[in-house]
Amino acid sequence: MKQINELWPERLQAYIKELRRYFKYMFNDHLLFVLIFGGGAAIYYYSEWVKTLDSGFPVGLIMAIVLAILLAISPIQTLLREADIVFLLPLETKMGSYFKNGMKLSFITQAYVLLLVLAAFMPMYAQVTGDGFKVFFYLLAIVLLLKIWNLMLHWMILKANDKQSLFFDWIIRFSLSALLLYFIFEKASFWFVGATTLILLLVTLYFRNALKNKPLKWELLIEKEQNRMQNFYRAANMFTDVPHLKGRVKRRRWLDPLFSTIPFSSDQTYRFLLSRTIVRTSEFSGLILRLTLIPVVLILFNGNVYFSVAISLLFIYLTGFQLIPLMRRHELKIWTSLYPIRSDQKKIAFLNLLMKILIVQAIVFSLSTAIGGNLKQAAINAVVSCLFAILFTKMYVPGRLKKLERR
């Protein structure tokens, strides 16, 4: 029993050490500067936008949906490892305190996110309802109680281990959380709130009685923990090399026409290889897609030229900075050393490819500005963004690559 009691502190210490190892690369001085700058701009424009809202704005519906999504996403941090299915399975009945600690850790980390999101919503809620910030702690308490309920119900249903139950688990928790929050935000009748709360309790009792005698599904718990850590490693891989990362590669044959313009010659080897890597590797293609769509939406909802340019430059920087690890993607593969080409061609190909990606991104942002109806602002955004993309690639990235080579 002594060893079981010591297992959680050891796992937690190793987990925190692993996070710190990569956070020092992820939250470096450059990124922190960009986040502070971008966050300050976002807060300013958000506060100005909030002033334009009236009592007819559906703030309750928006808050209920967003918070319900965050509530329903309730991964449980068990910190289990692959070998545990062999060594810890016989001790399952003695591991109650271990899994309770996992629930506590999950609640603390997820509650922090909910606190930030609810705090961000409060100016909008106060403006529309006129309640002020006096209801913040009341709403926070309700949201945190719902998070506890989501974690508990999710833990129960994990014992079912069939896709249908796991799918309906998310749907049920999201729907009930959204419904209850909507009634509370809209100050609905006590009977609506009470009826929804009663349904929550009945659902909990049903699954508790139906699954109380079922054993833990160790394979599923370990798989979910591995997937959770892989998601973290994919994020960290945008800033530094991660040896633990298991990449996901897809053929994506429908994108083959993109490579038809690349000449079939030895000096284009790395241009072809790196282009294929971006298209077929989910972490790079997904990164570019996310960091393009988010600013497009922001620009479409705000026609201010300064805001459009600032958002464009911010996301061009983030995209370029997080694509730098692509340079070392195939560094440990011996067959790349067999190519009969000059050693500097990889760097040349990478910089050219990066510049093209950032310029295309700048053009997309400018077109988003044009859709807003102001061609002059779109032209300004295009010139400034394209110039920034070129300077970033020509002046900043080579210096970063030299630092990577010295590691």
Protein backbone atom coordinates (compact mmCIF):
# COMPACT_ATOMS: atom_id res chain seq x y z
CA MET A 1 0.00 0.00 0.00
CA LYS A 2 2.87 2.32 0.67
CA GLN A 3 4.05 2.02 -2.93
CA ILE A 4 0.55 2.74 -4.25
CA ASN A 5 0.29 5.87 -2.10
CA GLU A 6 3.65 7.08 -3.39
CA LEU A 7 2.77 6.45 -7.04
CA TRP A 8 0.66 9.58 -7.61
CA PRO A 9 3.19 12.09 -6.18
CA GLU A 10 5.93 10.50 -8.31
CA ARG A 11 3.81 10.61 -11.48
CA LEU A 12 2.69 14.17 -10.80
CA GLN A 13 6.25 15.36 -10.21
CA ALA A 14 7.42 13.71 -13.45
CA TYR A 15 4.46 15.23 -15.33
CA ILE A 16 5.17 18.76 -14.08
CA LYS A 17 8.85 18.34 -14.95
CA GLU A 18 7.87 17.28 -18.48
CA LEU A 19 5.59 20.31 -18.91
CA ARG A 20 8.26 22.72 -17.68
CA ARG A 21 10.75 21.20 -20.07
CA TYR A 22 8.71 22.25 -23.09
CA PHE A 23 7.02 25.38 -21.73
CA LYS A 24 10.37 27.16 -21.59
CA TYR A 25 10.58 26.79 -25.38
CA MET A 26 6.90 27.46 -26.07
CA PHE A 27 6.60 30.65 -23.99
CA ASN A 28 9.84 32.32 -25.00
CA ASP A 29 10.45 36.08 -25.01
CA HIS A 30 9.36 36.55 -28.63
CA LEU A 31 6.06 34.73 -28.25
CA LEU A 32 5.27 36.41 -24.94
CA PHE A 33 5.81 39.81 -26.56
CA VAL A 34 3.46 38.91 -29.40
CA LEU A 35 0.85 37.51 -27.01
CA ILE A 36 0.98 40.62 -24.82
CA PHE A 37 0.71 42.89 -27.85
CA GLY A 38 -2.07 40.82 -29.42
CA GLY A 39 -3.88 40.42 -26.11
CA GLY A 40 -3.77 44.15 -25.44
CA ALA A 41 -5.18 44.93 -28.88
CA ALA A 42 -7.90 42.29 -28.48
CA ILE A 43 -8.93 43.65 -25.07
CA TYR A 44 -9.15 47.20 -26.42
CA TYR A 45 -11.31 46.30 -29.43
CA TYR A 46 -13.41 43.91 -27.34
CA SER A 47 -14.17 46.66 -24.82
CA GLU A 48 -15.11 49.06 -27.63
CA TRP A 49 -17.37 46.43 -29.21
CA VAL A 50 -19.07 45.66 -25.90
CA LYS A 51 -20.15 49.31 -25.63
CA THR A 52 -22.24 48.89 -28.81
CA LEU A 53 -24.34 46.00 -27.43
CA ASP A 54 -27.95 46.45 -26.37
CA SER A 55 -30.43 44.37 -24.39
CA GLY A 56 -31.45 42.43 -27.51
CA PHE A 57 -28.04 40.79 -27.92
CA PRO A 58 -28.24 36.97 -27.25
CA VAL A 59 -25.50 36.99 -24.62
CA GLY A 60 -27.10 34.18 -22.61
CA LEU A 61 -27.23 31.82 -25.59
CA ILE A 62 -23.63 32.54 -26.63
CA MET A 63 -22.25 32.13 -23.11
CA ALA A 64 -24.24 28.94 -22.54
CA ILE A 65 -22.97 27.30 -25.74
CA VAL A 66 -19.31 28.28 -25.30
CA LEU A 67 -19.16 27.34 -21.63
CA ALA A 68 -21.08 24.10 -22.25
CA ILE A 69 -18.49 23.07 -24.85
CA LEU A 70 -15.70 23.70 -22.34
CA LEU A 71 -17.65 21.81 -19.68
CA ALA A 72 -18.30 18.83 -21.94
CA ILE A 73 -14.62 18.64 -22.91
CA SER A 74 -13.54 16.97 -19.68
CA PRO A 75 -10.45 14.79 -20.20
CA ILE A 76 -9.37 13.04 -17.02
CA GLN A 77 -5.63 13.26 -16.35
CA THR A 78 -4.83 9.79 -15.03
CA LEU A 79 -1.09 10.00 -15.83
CA LEU A 80 -1.25 6.28 -16.67
CA ARG A 81 1.47 4.63 -18.73
CA GLU A 82 1.38 1.74 -21.15
CA ALA A 83 2.99 -0.74 -18.74
CA ASP A 84 0.38 -0.01 -16.05
CA ILE A 85 -2.06 -2.43 -17.64
CA VAL A 86 0.33 -5.22 -16.63
CA PHE A 87 1.60 -4.05 -13.26
CA LEU A 88 -1.31 -2.04 -11.82
CA LEU A 89 -4.33 -3.94 -13.13
CA PRO A 90 -4.21 -6.49 -10.26
CA LEU A 91 -4.21 -3.56 -7.79
CA GLU A 92 -7.26 -1.82 -9.27
CA THR A 93 -9.30 -2.11 -6.06
CA LYS A 94 -6.54 -0.32 -4.11
CA MET A 95 -6.14 2.60 -6.53
CA GLY A 96 -9.17 4.63 -5.52
CA SER A 97 -7.09 7.47 -4.04
CA TYR A 98 -4.88 7.52 -7.15
CA PHE A 99 -7.79 8.12 -9.50
CA LYS A 100 -9.35 10.66 -7.10
CA ASN A 101 -6.12 12.64 -7.34
CA GLY A 102 -6.40 12.44 -11.12
CA MET A 103 -9.91 13.88 -10.91
CA LYS A 104 -8.68 16.69 -8.65
CA LEU A 105 -5.86 17.57 -11.06
CA SER A 106 -8.28 17.53 -14.00
CA PHE A 107 -10.71 19.80 -12.16
CA ILE A 108 -8.04 22.33 -11.15
CA THR A 109 -6.57 22.68 -14.65
CA GLN A 110 -9.96 22.86 -16.38
CA ALA A 111 -11.47 25.18 -13.76
CA TYR A 112 -8.72 27.69 -14.48
CA VAL A 113 -9.75 27.82 -18.16
CA LEU A 114 -13.41 28.24 -17.21
CA LEU A 115 -12.49 31.06 -14.83
CA LEU A 116 -10.69 32.96 -17.60
CA VAL A 117 -13.46 32.44 -20.16
CA LEU A 118 -16.23 33.47 -17.76
CA ALA A 119 -14.23 36.54 -16.73
CA ALA A 120 -13.85 37.45 -20.42
CA PHE A 121 -17.62 37.14 -20.92
CA MET A 122 -18.55 39.27 -17.89
CA PRO A 123 -18.18 42.74 -19.52
CA MET A 124 -20.50 41.58 -22.29
CA TYR A 125 -22.96 40.05 -19.82
CA ALA A 126 -22.93 43.13 -17.58
CA GLN A 127 -23.50 45.45 -20.55
CA VAL A 128 -26.51 43.51 -21.85
CA THR A 129 -28.20 42.56 -18.57
CA GLY A 130 -27.22 45.56 -16.44
CA ASP A 131 -26.37 43.28 -13.50
CA GLY A 132 -22.80 44.48 -13.21
CA PHE A 133 -20.03 42.20 -11.95
CA LYS A 134 -21.75 41.37 -8.66
CA VAL A 135 -23.03 38.05 -10.06
CA PHE A 136 -19.60 36.83 -11.19
CA PHE A 137 -18.85 34.59 -8.20
CA TYR A 138 -22.40 33.23 -8.22
CA LEU A 139 -22.08 32.26 -11.89
CA LEU A 140 -18.56 30.93 -11.33
CA ALA A 141 -19.79 28.64 -8.55
CA ILE A 142 -22.49 27.21 -10.85
CA VAL A 143 -20.01 26.67 -13.69
CA LEU A 144 -17.53 24.92 -11.38
CA LEU A 145 -20.25 22.66 -9.97
CA LEU A 146 -21.20 21.73 -13.52
CA LYS A 147 -17.55 20.94 -14.26
CA ILE A 148 -17.48 18.54 -11.30
CA TRP A 149 -20.65 16.91 -12.61
CA ASN A 150 -19.19 16.57 -16.11
CA LEU A 151 -16.00 14.98 -14.81
CA MET A 152 -17.89 12.53 -12.57
CA LEU A 153 -20.35 11.48 -15.28
CA HIS A 154 -17.59 11.14 -17.87
CA TRP A 155 -15.60 8.92 -15.49
CA MET A 156 -18.64 6.68 -14.97
CA ILE A 157 -19.38 6.31 -18.68
CA LEU A 158 -15.74 5.51 -19.48
CA LYS A 159 -16.46 2.11 -17.94
CA ALA A 160 -18.91 1.35 -20.76
CA ASN A 161 -16.12 1.37 -23.39
CA ASP A 162 -18.38 1.32 -26.45
CA LYS A 163 -18.42 4.05 -29.07
CA GLN A 164 -22.16 4.65 -28.84
CA SER A 165 -22.07 5.31 -25.08
CA LEU A 166 -19.00 7.55 -25.36
CA PHE A 167 -20.65 9.56 -28.16
CA PHE A 168 -23.92 10.06 -26.28
CA ASP A 169 -21.90 10.86 -23.15
CA TRP A 170 -20.62 14.07 -24.77
CA ILE A 171 -24.02 14.93 -26.28
CA ILE A 172 -25.87 14.45 -22.98
CA ARG A 173 -23.39 16.43 -20.90
CA PHE A 174 -23.18 19.27 -23.44
CA SER A 175 -26.97 19.52 -23.89
CA LEU A 176 -27.82 19.50 -20.19
CA SER A 177 -24.99 21.91 -19.30
CA ALA A 178 -26.00 24.33 -22.06
CA LEU A 179 -29.68 24.15 -21.13
CA LEU A 180 -29.11 24.79 -17.42
CA LEU A 181 -26.67 27.65 -18.06
CA TYR A 182 -29.04 29.24 -20.57
CA PHE A 183 -31.91 29.23 -18.08
CA ILE A 184 -29.65 30.74 -15.40
CA PHE A 185 -28.14 33.41 -17.68
CA GLU A 186 -31.58 34.37 -19.00
CA LYS A 187 -33.06 34.38 -15.46
CA ALA A 188 -35.71 31.86 -16.42
CA SER A 189 -38.37 30.58 -14.05
CA PHE A 190 -37.20 28.57 -11.06
CA TRP A 191 -39.20 25.61 -12.41
CA PHE A 192 -37.10 25.44 -15.58
CA VAL A 193 -33.87 25.54 -13.58
CA GLY A 194 -35.19 23.01 -11.08
CA ALA A 195 -36.45 20.61 -13.76
CA THR A 196 -33.11 20.67 -15.60
CA THR A 197 -31.21 20.12 -12.35
CA LEU A 198 -33.47 17.16 -11.57
CA ILE A 199 -32.72 15.65 -14.99
CA LEU A 200 -28.99 16.02 -14.27
CA LEU A 201 -29.40 14.11 -11.01
CA LEU A 202 -31.54 11.37 -12.59
CA VAL A 203 -29.02 10.87 -15.43
CA THR A 204 -26.21 10.63 -12.88
CA LEU A 205 -28.09 8.06 -10.78
CA TYR A 206 -28.96 6.00 -13.85
CA PHE A 207 -25.38 5.67 -15.07
CA ARG A 208 -24.07 5.18 -11.54
CA ASN A 209 -26.37 2.20 -10.97
CA ALA A 210 -25.89 0.82 -14.48
CA LEU A 211 -22.08 0.90 -14.39
CA LYS A 212 -21.14 0.65 -10.70
CA ASN A 213 -20.13 -3.03 -10.91
CA LYS A 214 -18.18 -2.72 -14.16
CA PRO A 215 -14.37 -2.73 -13.99
CA LEU A 216 -12.18 0.07 -15.30
CA LYS A 217 -11.30 -0.09 -18.99
CA TRP A 218 -7.54 0.20 -18.67
CA GLU A 219 -6.87 0.09 -22.41
CA LEU A 220 -9.23 3.02 -22.96
CA LEU A 221 -7.82 5.05 -20.06
CA ILE A 222 -4.24 4.55 -21.23
CA GLU A 223 -5.19 5.35 -24.84
CA LYS A 224 -6.90 8.60 -23.80
CA GLU A 225 -3.94 9.63 -21.64
CA GLN A 226 -1.53 8.94 -24.51
CA ASN A 227 -3.72 10.95 -26.91
CA ARG A 228 -3.83 13.84 -24.45
CA MET A 229 -0.05 13.93 -24.15
CA GLN A 230 0.34 13.58 -27.92
CA ASN A 231 -1.80 16.70 -28.37
CA PHE A 232 0.50 18.56 -26.00
CA TYR A 233 3.60 17.28 -27.80
CA ARG A 234 2.18 18.41 -31.15
CA ALA A 235 1.78 21.91 -29.76
CA ALA A 236 5.31 21.84 -28.31
CA ASN A 237 6.67 20.51 -31.60
CA MET A 238 5.84 23.84 -33.20
CA PHE A 239 8.61 25.37 -31.06
CA THR A 240 11.19 22.62 -30.53
CA ASP A 241 11.93 19.01 -31.44
CA VAL A 242 9.86 16.51 -29.47
CA PRO A 243 11.22 12.95 -29.52
CA HIS A 244 7.99 11.53 -27.99
CA LEU A 245 5.82 12.79 -30.84
CA LYS A 246 4.07 10.22 -32.97
CA GLY A 247 3.23 12.01 -36.19
CA ARG A 248 -0.02 11.50 -38.08
CA VAL A 249 0.49 11.33 -41.83
CA LYS A 250 -2.23 11.31 -44.49
CA ARG A 251 -1.75 10.79 -48.22
CA ARG A 252 -4.13 13.59 -49.37
CA ARG A 253 -3.95 12.60 -53.03
CA TRP A 254 -6.40 15.35 -53.98
CA LEU A 255 -3.68 17.95 -53.25
CA ASP A 256 -1.19 16.42 -55.70
CA PRO A 257 -1.80 19.19 -58.30
CA LEU A 258 -0.06 21.62 -55.92
CA PHE A 259 3.25 19.86 -56.65
CA SER A 260 2.93 19.81 -60.44
CA THR A 261 4.76 23.15 -60.68
CA ILE A 262 7.88 21.84 -58.90
CA PRO A 263 10.54 20.98 -61.53
CA PHE A 264 11.94 17.46 -61.53
CA SER A 265 15.56 18.33 -60.75
CA SER A 266 18.03 17.66 -57.94
CA ASP A 267 18.13 21.27 -56.76
CA GLN A 268 14.36 21.08 -56.07
CA THR A 269 14.64 18.01 -53.84
CA TYR A 270 14.01 19.74 -50.53
CA ARG A 271 11.36 22.01 -51.98
CA PHE A 272 9.41 18.89 -52.93
CA LEU A 273 10.13 17.08 -49.65
CA LEU A 274 9.20 19.98 -47.37
CA SER A 275 6.08 20.80 -49.40
CA ARG A 276 4.92 17.20 -49.15
CA THR A 277 5.69 17.20 -45.44
CA ILE A 278 3.44 20.20 -44.82
CA VAL A 279 0.55 18.80 -46.85
CA ARG A 280 0.69 15.26 -45.49
CA THR A 281 1.54 16.00 -41.84
CA SER A 282 -1.45 17.04 -39.76
CA GLU A 283 0.45 19.20 -37.25
CA PHE A 284 1.81 21.52 -39.97
CA SER A 285 -1.19 21.62 -42.31
CA GLY A 286 -3.57 21.97 -39.36
CA LEU A 287 -1.43 24.74 -37.88
CA ILE A 288 -1.47 26.78 -41.10
CA LEU A 289 -5.21 26.26 -41.52
CA ARG A 290 -6.01 27.33 -37.94
CA LEU A 291 -3.74 30.37 -38.00
CA THR A 292 -5.34 31.47 -41.28
CA LEU A 293 -9.01 30.95 -40.48
CA ILE A 294 -8.95 32.59 -37.02
CA PRO A 295 -7.69 36.00 -38.25
CA VAL A 296 -9.99 35.84 -41.29
CA VAL A 297 -12.99 35.62 -38.95
CA LEU A 298 -11.61 38.41 -36.73
CA ILE A 299 -10.98 40.70 -39.71
CA LEU A 300 -14.44 40.07 -41.17
CA PHE A 301 -16.06 41.14 -37.89
CA ASN A 302 -13.97 44.30 -37.51
CA GLY A 303 -13.50 46.73 -40.37
CA ASN A 304 -10.88 48.92 -38.68
CA VAL A 305 -7.73 49.13 -40.82
CA TYR A 306 -5.37 49.26 -37.84
CA PHE A 307 -7.01 46.19 -36.34
CA SER A 308 -6.83 44.31 -39.66
CA VAL A 309 -3.15 45.10 -40.15
CA ALA A 310 -2.27 44.29 -36.52
CA ILE A 311 -4.09 40.94 -36.62
CA SER A 312 -2.52 40.09 -39.99
CA LEU A 313 1.02 40.82 -38.78
CA LEU A 314 0.43 38.94 -35.52
CA PHE A 315 -0.75 35.75 -37.21
CA ILE A 316 1.85 35.91 -39.98
CA TYR A 317 4.48 36.06 -37.25
CA LEU A 318 2.89 33.17 -35.33
CA THR A 319 2.65 31.04 -38.47
CA GLY A 320 6.22 31.73 -39.55
CA PHE A 321 7.64 31.24 -36.07
CA GLN A 322 5.85 27.94 -35.52
CA LEU A 323 6.87 26.57 -38.93
CA ILE A 324 10.59 26.95 -38.14
CA PRO A 325 10.83 23.38 -36.69
CA LEU A 326 9.97 22.13 -40.20
CA MET A 327 13.60 22.84 -41.08
CA ARG A 328 14.73 20.01 -38.79
CA ARG A 329 11.85 17.67 -39.52
CA HIS A 330 13.93 15.06 -41.41
CA GLU A 331 17.25 15.78 -39.73
CA LEU A 332 17.58 12.38 -38.04
CA LYS A 333 16.69 10.36 -41.15
CA ILE A 334 19.87 8.97 -42.67
CA TRP A 335 18.52 8.79 -46.21
CA THR A 336 18.40 12.59 -46.50
CA SER A 337 22.19 12.57 -46.08
CA LEU A 338 22.49 10.45 -49.22
CA TYR A 339 21.06 13.12 -51.52
CA PRO A 340 23.79 14.30 -53.96
CA ILE A 341 23.01 17.98 -53.39
CA ARG A 342 24.64 20.93 -51.65
CA SER A 343 24.01 21.23 -47.91
CA ASP A 344 22.69 24.80 -48.21
CA GLN A 345 19.89 23.82 -50.59
CA LYS A 346 17.70 22.65 -47.73
CA LYS A 347 17.88 26.07 -46.08
CA ILE A 348 17.22 27.85 -49.38
CA ALA A 349 14.22 25.61 -50.11
CA PHE A 350 12.82 26.10 -46.61
CA LEU A 351 13.09 29.90 -46.70
CA ASN A 352 11.50 30.09 -50.16
CA LEU A 353 8.66 27.80 -49.13
CA LEU A 354 8.08 29.72 -45.90
CA MET A 355 7.98 33.03 -47.74
CA LYS A 356 5.40 31.72 -50.21
CA ILE A 357 3.19 30.41 -47.39
CA LEU A 358 3.31 33.71 -45.51
CA ILE A 359 2.66 35.79 -48.63
CA VAL A 360 -0.34 33.62 -49.54
CA GLN A 361 -1.56 34.06 -45.98
CA ALA A 362 -1.10 37.84 -46.27
CA ILE A 363 -3.12 37.87 -49.49
CA VAL A 364 -5.93 35.88 -47.84
CA PHE A 365 -6.03 38.37 -44.97
CA SER A 366 -6.15 41.26 -47.44
CA LEU A 367 -9.01 39.65 -49.36
CA SER A 368 -10.87 39.32 -46.06
CA THR A 369 -10.45 43.05 -45.58
CA ALA A 370 -11.72 43.64 -49.13
CA ILE A 371 -14.83 41.54 -48.46
CA GLY A 372 -15.61 44.04 -45.71
CA GLY A 373 -16.09 46.59 -48.49
CA ASN A 374 -12.97 48.74 -48.20
CA LEU A 375 -10.54 48.18 -51.07
CA LYS A 376 -8.18 50.92 -49.89
CA GLN A 377 -7.77 49.24 -46.50
CA ALA A 378 -7.29 45.90 -48.27
CA ALA A 379 -4.49 47.37 -50.39
CA ILE A 380 -2.78 48.83 -47.31
CA ASN A 381 -3.07 45.50 -45.52
CA ALA A 382 -1.68 43.64 -48.54
CA VAL A 383 1.39 45.88 -48.88
CA VAL A 384 2.22 45.94 -45.16
CA SER A 385 1.59 42.21 -44.64
CA CYS A 386 3.56 41.07 -47.70
CA LEU A 387 6.46 43.36 -46.79
CA PHE A 388 6.44 41.99 -43.24
CA ALA A 389 6.39 38.40 -44.55
CA ILE A 390 9.43 39.09 -46.76
CA LEU A 391 11.40 40.86 -44.01
CA PHE A 392 10.50 38.16 -41.50
CA THR A 393 11.77 35.44 -43.83
CA LYS A 394 14.89 37.29 -44.99
CA MET A 395 16.04 38.84 -41.71
CA TYR A 396 14.53 37.07 -38.70
CA VAL A 397 14.30 33.40 -39.69
CA PRO A 398 17.98 32.94 -40.76
CA GLY A 399 19.05 34.07 -37.29
CA ARG A 400 16.68 31.59 -35.65
CA LEU A 401 18.03 28.81 -37.86
CA LYS A 402 21.59 29.58 -36.76
CA LYS A 403 20.52 29.27 -33.12
CA LEU A 404 18.94 25.90 -33.89
CA GLU A 405 22.15 24.70 -35.53
CA ARG A 406 24.16 25.57 -32.40
CA ARG A 407 21.95 23.45 -30.12
